[in-house]
């Protein structure tokens, strides 16, 4: 590369970097707008329980049916249902909420696949996000409990972030309920035999979540917890 070519290349790199820095600065306003809209809308909705799980779960799957049942029964106890707004388990949760006449909220996100909003979300309670981290803040702040059905990486991400935030006392404790002993048992064995035995977590950290196998047991965990604690935002 000649000195002239090198000078042009460096100038181009500097221009590109300056454009990136400018773009990053303006991006702050988009992030802020998502936080403001989310806080304003969700603060008015009332107590909700979030149902997480795979977007790929079919309507014939037993966990789809169980998520629908759990959501329905929660609405009969006065809770709204908060989901990621997509298909699969998220659709099942909103479907159960709609059937129960309860609040049905969807926090959807722009993705290249798997994430069209389902038809069971209340029309005035569908929020769209560009940023996963903003969306997760909404779940963490306004959910009175997490019902975690079988799912993939996204479900695991949301589950372990909640456990971490409660473990480190960054948010108030709320019930985290894993549904499906067969699905979760392998992970729990690894947590106990690897993380716990290797002193990566404490024994009391295992109390941050519960595993159940039925809709009624999931409901009972929520009810038992809030017989002791007040309903309120988590931070």
C-alpha atoms as a PDB file:
ATOM      1  CA  UNK A   1       0.000   0.000   0.000  1.00  0.00           C
ATOM      2  CA  UNK A   2       1.397   3.375  -0.999  1.00  0.00           C
ATOM      3  CA  UNK A   3       1.499   6.271   1.496  1.00  0.00           C
ATOM      4  CA  UNK A   4      -1.327   7.933  -0.419  1.00  0.00           C
ATOM      5  CA  UNK A   5      -3.497   4.823  -0.322  1.00  0.00           C
ATOM      6  CA  UNK A   6      -2.780   4.345   3.370  1.00  0.00           C
ATOM      7  CA  UNK A   7      -3.813   7.943   4.082  1.00  0.00           C
ATOM      8  CA  UNK A   8      -7.102   7.453   2.209  1.00  0.00           C
ATOM      9  CA  UNK A   9      -7.757   4.161   4.031  1.00  0.00           C
ATOM     10  CA  UNK A  10      -7.109   5.701   7.448  1.00  0.00           C
ATOM     11  CA  UNK A  11      -9.339   8.646   6.616  1.00  0.00           C
ATOM     12  CA  UNK A  12     -12.118   6.272   5.593  1.00  0.00           C
ATOM     13  CA  UNK A  13     -11.725   4.269   8.803  1.00  0.00           C
ATOM     14  CA  UNK A  14     -11.883   7.434  10.892  1.00  0.00           C
ATOM     15  CA  UNK A  15     -14.996   8.627   9.059  1.00  0.00           C
ATOM     16  CA  UNK A  16     -16.665   5.239   9.545  1.00  0.00           C
ATOM     17  CA  UNK A  17     -15.801   5.215  13.254  1.00  0.00           C
ATOM     18  CA  UNK A  18     -17.160   8.738  13.695  1.00  0.00           C
ATOM     19  CA  UNK A  19     -20.397   7.704  11.987  1.00  0.00           C
ATOM     20  CA  UNK A  20     -20.677   4.729  14.340  1.00  0.00           C
ATOM     21  CA  UNK A  21     -20.145   6.928  17.406  1.00  0.00           C
ATOM     22  CA  UNK A  22     -22.788   9.384  16.189  1.00  0.00           C
ATOM     23  CA  UNK A  23     -25.210   6.558  15.498  1.00  0.00           C
ATOM     24  CA  UNK A  24     -24.598   5.102  18.964  1.00  0.00           C
ATOM     25  CA  UNK A  25     -25.372   8.450  20.576  1.00  0.00           C
ATOM     26  CA  UNK A  26     -28.687   8.788  18.777  1.00  0.00           C
ATOM     27  CA  UNK A  27     -29.532   5.172  19.611  1.00  0.00           C
ATOM     28  CA  UNK A  28     -29.832   6.205  23.244  1.00  0.00           C
ATOM     29  CA  UNK A  29     -33.068   8.038  22.428  1.00  0.00           C
ATOM     30  CA  UNK A  30     -34.590   4.905  20.866  1.00  0.00           C
ATOM     31  CA  UNK A  31     -33.675   2.914  23.974  1.00  0.00           C
ATOM     32  CA  UNK A  32     -35.150   5.618  26.212  1.00  0.00           C
ATOM     33  CA  UNK A  33     -38.383   5.693  24.220  1.00  0.00           C
ATOM     34  CA  UNK A  34     -38.835   1.941  24.679  1.00  0.00           C
ATOM     35  CA  UNK A  35     -38.288   2.229  28.427  1.00  0.00           C
ATOM     36  CA  UNK A  36     -40.713   5.156  28.745  1.00  0.00           C
ATOM     37  CA  UNK A  37     -43.478   3.490  26.748  1.00  0.00           C
ATOM     38  CA  UNK A  38     -43.052   0.210  28.612  1.00  0.00           C
ATOM     39  CA  UNK A  39     -43.093   1.789  32.062  1.00  0.00           C
ATOM     40  CA  UNK A  40     -46.099   3.976  31.265  1.00  0.00           C
ATOM     41  CA  UNK A  41     -48.233   1.136  29.933  1.00  0.00           C
ATOM     42  CA  UNK A  42     -47.260  -1.666  32.293  1.00  0.00           C
ATOM     43  CA  UNK A  43     -47.562   0.443  35.444  1.00  0.00           C
ATOM     44  CA  UNK A  44     -51.312   0.720  34.727  1.00  0.00           C
ATOM     45  CA  UNK A  45     -52.018  -2.933  34.039  1.00  0.00           C
ATOM     46  CA  UNK A  46     -51.922  -4.425  37.529  1.00  0.00           C
ATOM     47  CA  UNK A  47     -50.481  -7.673  38.885  1.00  0.00           C
ATOM     48  CA  UNK A  48     -49.380 -10.078  36.134  1.00  0.00           C
ATOM     49  CA  UNK A  49     -47.633 -13.429  35.999  1.00  0.00           C
ATOM     50  CA  UNK A  50     -45.280 -14.104  33.104  1.00  0.00           C
ATOM     51  CA  UNK A  51     -45.423 -17.373  31.213  1.00  0.00           C
ATOM     52  CA  UNK A  52     -42.230 -18.214  29.339  1.00  0.00           C
ATOM     53  CA  UNK A  53     -41.519 -21.085  26.947  1.00  0.00           C
ATOM     54  CA  UNK A  54     -40.681 -22.115  23.436  1.00  0.00           C
ATOM     55  CA  UNK A  55     -42.206 -20.318  20.459  1.00  0.00           C
ATOM     56  CA  UNK A  56     -41.935 -23.633  18.612  1.00  0.00           C
ATOM     57  CA  UNK A  57     -44.344 -25.552  20.844  1.00  0.00           C
ATOM     58  CA  UNK A  58     -47.334 -26.857  18.882  1.00  0.00           C
ATOM     59  CA  UNK A  59     -50.926 -26.434  20.020  1.00  0.00           C
ATOM     60  CA  UNK A  60     -51.202 -30.219  20.337  1.00  0.00           C
ATOM     61  CA  UNK A  61     -48.301 -30.392  22.799  1.00  0.00           C
ATOM     62  CA  UNK A  62     -49.139 -31.158  26.432  1.00  0.00           C
ATOM     63  CA  UNK A  63     -47.162 -28.145  27.604  1.00  0.00           C
ATOM     64  CA  UNK A  64     -49.128 -25.817  25.320  1.00  0.00           C
ATOM     65  CA  UNK A  65     -52.327 -27.139  26.871  1.00  0.00           C
ATOM     66  CA  UNK A  66     -50.896 -26.848  30.361  1.00  0.00           C
ATOM     67  CA  UNK A  67     -49.752 -23.267  29.784  1.00  0.00           C
ATOM     68  CA  UNK A  68     -53.272 -22.398  28.614  1.00  0.00           C
ATOM     69  CA  UNK A  69     -54.735 -24.012  31.725  1.00  0.00           C
ATOM     70  CA  UNK A  70     -52.298 -22.252  34.055  1.00  0.00           C
ATOM     71  CA  UNK A  71     -53.042 -18.880  32.479  1.00  0.00           C
ATOM     72  CA  UNK A  72     -56.795 -19.433  32.706  1.00  0.00           C
ATOM     73  CA  UNK A  73     -56.600 -20.400  36.376  1.00  0.00           C
ATOM     74  CA  UNK A  74     -54.372 -17.447  37.217  1.00  0.00           C
ATOM     75  CA  UNK A  75     -56.896 -15.033  35.722  1.00  0.00           C
ATOM     76  CA  UNK A  76     -59.552 -16.519  37.984  1.00  0.00           C
ATOM     77  CA  UNK A  77     -57.362 -15.467  40.911  1.00  0.00           C
ATOM     78  CA  UNK A  78     -57.101 -11.905  39.612  1.00  0.00           C
ATOM     79  CA  UNK A  79     -53.754 -12.046  37.835  1.00  0.00           C
ATOM     80  CA  UNK A  80     -53.108 -10.844  34.322  1.00  0.00           C
ATOM     81  CA  UNK A  81     -50.872 -12.811  31.996  1.00  0.00           C
ATOM     82  CA  UNK A  82     -47.694 -11.353  30.533  1.00  0.00           C
ATOM     83  CA  UNK A  83     -45.888 -13.142  27.686  1.00  0.00           C
ATOM     84  CA  UNK A  84     -43.337 -12.478  24.989  1.00  0.00           C
ATOM     85  CA  UNK A  85     -46.216 -12.008  22.583  1.00  0.00           C
ATOM     86  CA  UNK A  86     -45.276 -14.670  20.033  1.00  0.00           C
ATOM     87  CA  UNK A  87     -46.445 -18.170  19.227  1.00  0.00           C
ATOM     88  CA  UNK A  88     -46.080 -21.493  20.994  1.00  0.00           C
ATOM     89  CA  UNK A  89     -46.124 -21.271  24.781  1.00  0.00           C
ATOM     90  CA  UNK A  90     -46.519 -17.486  24.591  1.00  0.00           C
ATOM     91  CA  UNK A  91     -49.657 -17.890  22.504  1.00  0.00           C
ATOM     92  CA  UNK A  92     -50.926 -20.512  24.943  1.00  0.00           C
ATOM     93  CA  UNK A  93     -50.515 -18.123  27.862  1.00  0.00           C
ATOM     94  CA  UNK A  94     -52.367 -15.307  26.131  1.00  0.00           C
ATOM     95  CA  UNK A  95     -55.029 -17.749  24.954  1.00  0.00           C
ATOM     96  CA  UNK A  96     -55.688 -18.900  28.515  1.00  0.00           C
ATOM     97  CA  UNK A  97     -55.841 -15.309  29.728  1.00  0.00           C
ATOM     98  CA  UNK A  98     -58.333 -14.398  27.024  1.00  0.00           C
ATOM     99  CA  UNK A  99     -60.491 -17.430  27.812  1.00  0.00           C
ATOM    100  CA  UNK A 100     -60.481 -16.476  31.478  1.00  0.00           C
ATOM    101  CA  UNK A 101     -61.512 -12.897  30.785  1.00  0.00           C
ATOM    102  CA  UNK A 102     -58.253 -11.609  32.238  1.00  0.00           C
ATOM    103  CA  UNK A 103     -55.640  -9.097  31.200  1.00  0.00           C
ATOM    104  CA  UNK A 104     -53.595 -10.461  28.298  1.00  0.00           C
ATOM    105  CA  UNK A 105     -50.311  -8.638  27.649  1.00  0.00           C
ATOM    106  CA  UNK A 106     -47.698  -9.279  24.959  1.00  0.00           C
ATOM    107  CA  UNK A 107     -44.187  -7.841  24.913  1.00  0.00           C
ATOM    108  CA  UNK A 108     -43.223  -8.641  21.351  1.00  0.00           C
ATOM    109  CA  UNK A 109     -39.852  -8.123  19.691  1.00  0.00           C
ATOM    110  CA  UNK A 110     -38.719  -7.656  16.127  1.00  0.00           C
ATOM    111  CA  UNK A 111     -37.053 -10.900  14.977  1.00  0.00           C
ATOM    112  CA  UNK A 112     -36.348 -12.421  11.567  1.00  0.00           C
ATOM    113  CA  UNK A 113     -38.450 -15.468  12.471  1.00  0.00           C
ATOM    114  CA  UNK A 114     -40.788 -17.010  15.079  1.00  0.00           C
ATOM    115  CA  UNK A 115     -42.138 -13.770  16.464  1.00  0.00           C
ATOM    116  CA  UNK A 116     -45.392 -12.608  14.928  1.00  0.00           C
ATOM    117  CA  UNK A 117     -47.767 -11.363  17.608  1.00  0.00           C
ATOM    118  CA  UNK A 118     -50.426 -13.884  18.535  1.00  0.00           C
ATOM    119  CA  UNK A 119     -54.126 -13.064  18.236  1.00  0.00           C
ATOM    120  CA  UNK A 120     -54.958 -13.480  21.935  1.00  0.00           C
ATOM    121  CA  UNK A 121     -53.222 -10.338  23.191  1.00  0.00           C
ATOM    122  CA  UNK A 122     -55.471  -7.436  24.207  1.00  0.00           C
ATOM    123  CA  UNK A 123     -55.225  -4.903  21.396  1.00  0.00           C
ATOM    124  CA  UNK A 124     -54.212  -2.084  23.732  1.00  0.00           C
ATOM    125  CA  UNK A 125     -51.659  -4.236  25.563  1.00  0.00           C
ATOM    126  CA  UNK A 126     -49.295  -5.226  22.773  1.00  0.00           C
ATOM    127  CA  UNK A 127     -45.895  -3.549  23.050  1.00  0.00           C
ATOM    128  CA  UNK A 128     -43.180  -3.846  20.416  1.00  0.00           C
ATOM    129  CA  UNK A 129     -39.469  -3.776  21.239  1.00  0.00           C
ATOM    130  CA  UNK A 130     -36.258  -3.656  19.239  1.00  0.00           C
ATOM    131  CA  UNK A 131     -34.016  -4.430  22.198  1.00  0.00           C
ATOM    132  CA  UNK A 132     -34.024  -7.667  24.179  1.00  0.00           C
ATOM    133  CA  UNK A 133     -32.518  -5.985  27.234  1.00  0.00           C
ATOM    134  CA  UNK A 134     -35.311  -3.380  27.455  1.00  0.00           C
ATOM    135  CA  UNK A 135     -37.942  -6.079  27.041  1.00  0.00           C
ATOM    136  CA  UNK A 136     -36.376  -8.168  29.794  1.00  0.00           C
ATOM    137  CA  UNK A 137     -36.411  -5.216  32.176  1.00  0.00           C
ATOM    138  CA  UNK A 138     -40.190  -5.024  31.689  1.00  0.00           C
ATOM    139  CA  UNK A 139     -40.589  -8.695  32.588  1.00  0.00           C
ATOM    140  CA  UNK A 140     -38.350  -8.365  35.630  1.00  0.00           C
ATOM    141  CA  UNK A 141     -40.007  -5.211  36.927  1.00  0.00           C
ATOM    142  CA  UNK A 142     -43.689  -5.992  36.451  1.00  0.00           C
ATOM    143  CA  UNK A 143     -44.086  -9.783  36.646  1.00  0.00           C
ATOM    144  CA  UNK A 144     -45.320 -11.075  39.994  1.00  0.00           C
ATOM    145  CA  UNK A 145     -44.002 -14.508  39.130  1.00  0.00           C
ATOM    146  CA  UNK A 146     -42.373 -16.506  36.351  1.00  0.00           C
ATOM    147  CA  UNK A 147     -44.006 -19.669  35.065  1.00  0.00           C
ATOM    148  CA  UNK A 148     -41.256 -21.272  32.979  1.00  0.00           C
ATOM    149  CA  UNK A 149     -42.381 -23.950  30.546  1.00  0.00           C
ATOM    150  CA  UNK A 150     -39.968 -26.018  28.407  1.00  0.00           C
ATOM    151  CA  UNK A 151     -38.082 -23.797  25.990  1.00  0.00           C
ATOM    152  CA  UNK A 152     -34.807 -23.039  24.267  1.00  0.00           C
ATOM    153  CA  UNK A 153     -32.014 -20.510  24.613  1.00  0.00           C
ATOM    154  CA  UNK A 154     -34.349 -17.531  25.017  1.00  0.00           C
ATOM    155  CA  UNK A 155     -36.255 -19.218  27.832  1.00  0.00           C
ATOM    156  CA  UNK A 156     -33.000 -20.179  29.575  1.00  0.00           C
ATOM    157  CA  UNK A 157     -31.727 -16.618  29.214  1.00  0.00           C
ATOM    158  CA  UNK A 158     -34.809 -15.175  30.902  1.00  0.00           C
ATOM    159  CA  UNK A 159     -34.817 -17.850  33.596  1.00  0.00           C
ATOM    160  CA  UNK A 160     -31.183 -17.476  34.635  1.00  0.00           C
ATOM    161  CA  UNK A 161     -31.264 -13.685  34.493  1.00  0.00           C
ATOM    162  CA  UNK A 162     -34.176 -13.695  36.945  1.00  0.00           C
ATOM    163  CA  UNK A 163     -32.406 -16.155  39.247  1.00  0.00           C
ATOM    164  CA  UNK A 164     -29.205 -14.090  39.109  1.00  0.00           C
ATOM    165  CA  UNK A 165     -30.955 -10.802  39.876  1.00  0.00           C
ATOM    166  CA  UNK A 166     -32.794 -12.298  42.846  1.00  0.00           C
ATOM    167  CA  UNK A 167     -29.654 -14.099  44.058  1.00  0.00           C
ATOM    168  CA  UNK A 168     -27.672 -10.855  44.002  1.00  0.00           C
ATOM    169  CA  UNK A 169     -30.580  -8.909  45.538  1.00  0.00           C
ATOM    170  CA  UNK A 170     -30.826  -6.537  42.605  1.00  0.00           C
ATOM    171  CA  UNK A 171     -34.572  -7.157  42.480  1.00  0.00           C
ATOM    172  CA  UNK A 172     -37.118  -8.340  45.023  1.00  0.00           C
ATOM    173  CA  UNK A 173     -37.772 -12.047  45.299  1.00  0.00           C
ATOM    174  CA  UNK A 174     -40.720 -13.464  43.378  1.00  0.00           C
ATOM    175  CA  UNK A 175     -41.752 -17.056  42.627  1.00  0.00           C
ATOM    176  CA  UNK A 176     -39.963 -18.803  39.750  1.00  0.00           C
ATOM    177  CA  UNK A 177     -41.761 -22.006  38.837  1.00  0.00           C
ATOM    178  CA  UNK A 178     -40.380 -24.530  36.373  1.00  0.00           C
ATOM    179  CA  UNK A 179     -43.120 -26.666  34.858  1.00  0.00           C
ATOM    180  CA  UNK A 180     -42.272 -30.176  33.668  1.00  0.00           C
ATOM    181  CA  UNK A 181     -40.072 -32.300  35.913  1.00  0.00           C
ATOM    182  CA  UNK A 182     -38.975 -34.550  33.039  1.00  0.00           C
ATOM    183  CA  UNK A 183     -37.805 -31.598  30.944  1.00  0.00           C
ATOM    184  CA  UNK A 184     -35.966 -29.784  33.744  1.00  0.00           C
ATOM    185  CA  UNK A 185     -34.553 -32.736  35.697  1.00  0.00           C
ATOM    186  CA  UNK A 186     -31.303 -33.019  33.708  1.00  0.00           C
ATOM    187  CA  UNK A 187     -30.491 -29.358  34.230  1.00  0.00           C
ATOM    188  CA  UNK A 188     -31.269 -29.574  37.936  1.00  0.00           C
ATOM    189  CA  UNK A 189     -29.006 -32.602  38.334  1.00  0.00           C
ATOM    190  CA  UNK A 190     -26.187 -30.637  36.658  1.00  0.00           C
ATOM    191  CA  UNK A 191     -26.841 -27.619  38.872  1.00  0.00           C
ATOM    192  CA  UNK A 192     -26.675 -29.759  42.004  1.00  0.00           C
ATOM    193  CA  UNK A 193     -23.845 -32.100  41.048  1.00  0.00           C
ATOM    194  CA  UNK A 194     -21.647 -29.587  39.220  1.00  0.00           C
ATOM    195  CA  UNK A 195     -22.395 -26.001  40.261  1.00  0.00           C
ATOM    196  CA  UNK A 196     -23.217 -26.780  43.893  1.00  0.00           C
ATOM    197  CA  UNK A 197     -20.576 -29.448  44.427  1.00  0.00           C
ATOM    198  CA  UNK A 198     -17.924 -27.203  42.867  1.00  0.00           C
ATOM    199  CA  UNK A 199     -18.947 -24.298  45.142  1.00  0.00           C
ATOM    200  CA  UNK A 200     -20.140 -22.140  42.243  1.00  0.00           C
ATOM    201  CA  UNK A 201     -23.470 -21.568  44.009  1.00  0.00           C
ATOM    202  CA  UNK A 202     -24.760 -21.918  47.567  1.00  0.00           C
ATOM    203  CA  UNK A 203     -27.255 -24.512  48.758  1.00  0.00           C
ATOM    204  CA  UNK A 204     -29.816 -21.788  49.481  1.00  0.00           C
ATOM    205  CA  UNK A 205     -29.707 -20.727  45.827  1.00  0.00           C
ATOM    206  CA  UNK A 206     -31.644 -23.889  45.028  1.00  0.00           C
ATOM    207  CA  UNK A 207     -34.574 -22.343  46.893  1.00  0.00           C
ATOM    208  CA  UNK A 208     -34.867 -19.556  44.303  1.00  0.00           C
ATOM    209  CA  UNK A 209     -36.980 -21.779  42.035  1.00  0.00           C
ATOM    210  CA  UNK A 210     -39.462 -24.628  42.301  1.00  0.00           C
ATOM    211  CA  UNK A 211     -40.317 -27.503  39.946  1.00  0.00           C
ATOM    212  CA  UNK A 212     -43.930 -28.639  39.477  1.00  0.00           C
ATOM    213  CA  UNK A 213     -45.748 -30.989  37.147  1.00  0.00           C
ATOM    214  CA  UNK A 214     -49.334 -29.727  37.137  1.00  0.00           C
ATOM    215  CA  UNK A 215     -51.232 -26.506  36.547  1.00  0.00           C
ATOM    216  CA  UNK A 216     -52.728 -26.646  40.041  1.00  0.00           C
ATOM    217  CA  UNK A 217     -49.298 -26.970  41.649  1.00  0.00           C
ATOM    218  CA  UNK A 218     -48.034 -23.983  39.670  1.00  0.00           C
ATOM    219  CA  UNK A 219     -51.010 -21.931  40.827  1.00  0.00           C
ATOM    220  CA  UNK A 220     -50.515 -23.071  44.419  1.00  0.00           C
ATOM    221  CA  UNK A 221     -46.905 -21.822  44.400  1.00  0.00           C
ATOM    222  CA  UNK A 222     -48.017 -18.353  43.310  1.00  0.00           C
ATOM    223  CA  UNK A 223     -50.825 -18.261  45.856  1.00  0.00           C
ATOM    224  CA  UNK A 224     -48.624 -19.493  48.723  1.00  0.00           C
ATOM    225  CA  UNK A 225     -46.002 -16.866  48.010  1.00  0.00           C
ATOM    226  CA  UNK A 226     -48.464 -13.961  47.910  1.00  0.00           C
ATOM    227  CA  UNK A 227     -50.197 -15.069  51.062  1.00  0.00           C
ATOM    228  CA  UNK A 228     -46.946 -13.910  52.695  1.00  0.00           C
ATOM    229  CA  UNK A 229     -45.841 -10.984  50.517  1.00  0.00           C
ATOM    230  CA  UNK A 230     -47.448  -7.916  48.967  1.00  0.00           C
ATOM    231  CA  UNK A 231     -47.949  -7.480  45.235  1.00  0.00           C
ATOM    232  CA  UNK A 232     -45.689  -4.718  43.941  1.00  0.00           C
ATOM    233  CA  UNK A 233     -43.139  -3.971  41.194  1.00  0.00           C
ATOM    234  CA  UNK A 234     -39.909  -5.885  41.784  1.00  0.00           C
ATOM    235  CA  UNK A 235     -37.592  -2.863  41.796  1.00  0.00           C
END
